[in-house]
Amino acid sequence: MTNAQILAACRSNREYRGIDDASVPEMLDAISAHLADAEAADRTGQDATGRDVRTFAAAWAGPAPRSRAGCCARCARAPSSSAASCCRPA
């Protein structure tokens, strides 16, 4: 996997989680620096991130924000009127 693909996976994960767009360039700069350090040490990007880049991207992004108390990430992304039934009281 190329460094560009790693950065794309990290960006995609943050977008999926609904994380503030303003923080994306800072995050990409930080990860780019880690990848550059790996290359300088004759390592690959995946040596820096691990084999599962999606897991790395999720860990870097942190937990999914919860816009509604008690809701899962899927419901938090849904409009109020169409929240998934998994978080609605029985």
Protein backbone atom coordinates (compact mmCIF):
# COMPACT_ATOMS: atom_id res chain seq x y z
CA MET A 1 0.00 0.00 0.00
CA THR A 2 1.36 3.41 -0.93
CA ASN A 3 1.59 6.36 1.44
CA ALA A 4 -1.08 8.12 -0.63
CA GLN A 5 -3.41 5.15 -0.09
CA ILE A 6 -2.70 5.18 3.65
CA LEU A 7 -3.50 8.90 3.84
CA ALA A 8 -6.68 8.36 1.80
CA ALA A 9 -7.79 5.62 4.21
CA CYS A 10 -7.19 7.92 7.18
CA ARG A 11 -9.09 10.79 5.55
CA SER A 12 -11.97 8.49 4.62
CA ASN A 13 -12.20 7.16 8.17
CA ARG A 14 -12.44 10.67 9.63
CA GLU A 15 -15.11 11.61 7.08
CA TYR A 16 -17.05 8.42 7.93
CA ARG A 17 -16.94 9.35 11.61
CA GLY A 18 -18.06 12.90 10.91
CA ILE A 19 -14.95 14.43 12.45
CA ASP A 20 -14.47 18.15 11.90
CA ASP A 21 -13.08 18.90 8.43
CA ALA A 22 -10.83 21.59 9.89
CA SER A 23 -8.79 18.96 11.72
CA VAL A 24 -8.17 16.82 8.61
CA PRO A 25 -5.18 18.79 7.22
CA GLU A 26 -3.47 18.71 10.63
CA MET A 27 -4.08 14.97 10.91
CA LEU A 28 -2.78 14.34 7.39
CA ASP A 29 0.34 16.41 8.10
CA ALA A 30 1.04 14.41 11.27
CA ILE A 31 0.56 11.05 9.57
CA SER A 32 2.62 12.22 6.56
CA ALA A 33 5.45 13.06 8.95
CA HIS A 34 5.27 9.55 10.47
CA LEU A 35 5.31 8.01 7.00
CA ALA A 36 8.28 10.18 5.97
CA ASP A 37 10.14 9.11 9.12
CA ALA A 38 9.47 5.48 8.24
CA GLU A 39 10.79 5.98 4.71
CA ALA A 40 13.90 7.75 6.05
CA ALA A 41 14.56 4.65 8.15
CA ASP A 42 14.15 2.40 5.07
CA ARG A 43 10.76 1.20 6.31
CA THR A 44 7.41 1.15 4.51
CA GLY A 45 4.30 3.08 5.40
CA GLN A 46 2.70 -0.14 6.56
CA ASP A 47 5.63 -0.73 8.88
CA ALA A 48 4.54 2.51 10.58
CA THR A 49 0.80 1.79 10.53
CA GLY A 50 0.70 -1.98 10.85
CA ARG A 51 -0.80 -4.45 8.39
CA ASP A 52 -4.40 -3.31 8.88
CA VAL A 53 -4.45 0.31 7.78
CA ARG A 54 -8.21 0.59 8.51
CA THR A 55 -7.58 -0.30 12.15
CA PHE A 56 -4.77 2.25 12.30
CA ALA A 57 -7.02 4.92 10.73
CA ALA A 58 -9.81 4.18 13.22
CA ALA A 59 -7.42 4.33 16.17
CA TRP A 60 -5.91 7.60 14.92
CA ALA A 61 -9.36 9.14 14.48
CA GLY A 62 -10.46 8.14 17.97
CA PRO A 63 -13.93 7.12 19.03
CA ALA A 64 -16.86 8.11 16.88
CA PRO A 65 -18.53 11.22 18.22
CA ARG A 66 -21.93 10.79 19.81
CA SER A 67 -24.20 13.63 18.84
CA ARG A 68 -27.10 12.17 20.80
CA ALA A 69 -26.70 10.76 24.30
CA GLY A 70 -27.06 7.00 24.29
CA CYS A 71 -26.93 6.55 20.52
CA CYS A 72 -24.57 4.38 18.59
CA ALA A 73 -22.41 5.84 15.81
CA ARG A 74 -24.90 4.70 13.15
CA CYS A 75 -27.74 6.58 14.83
CA ALA A 76 -25.55 9.59 15.49
CA ARG A 77 -25.02 9.95 11.71
CA ALA A 78 -28.72 9.58 10.90
CA PRO A 79 -31.13 12.51 10.87
CA SER A 80 -33.19 12.80 14.07
CA SER A 81 -36.37 11.67 12.38
CA SER A 82 -34.79 8.51 10.99
CA ALA A 83 -32.55 7.30 13.83
CA ALA A 84 -32.01 3.57 13.71
CA SER A 85 -34.20 1.46 15.95
CA CYS A 86 -31.18 0.03 17.82
CA CYS A 87 -31.06 3.11 20.08
CA ARG A 88 -34.75 3.78 20.49
CA PRO A 89 -36.33 2.68 23.75
CA ALA A 90 -38.34 -0.51 23.45
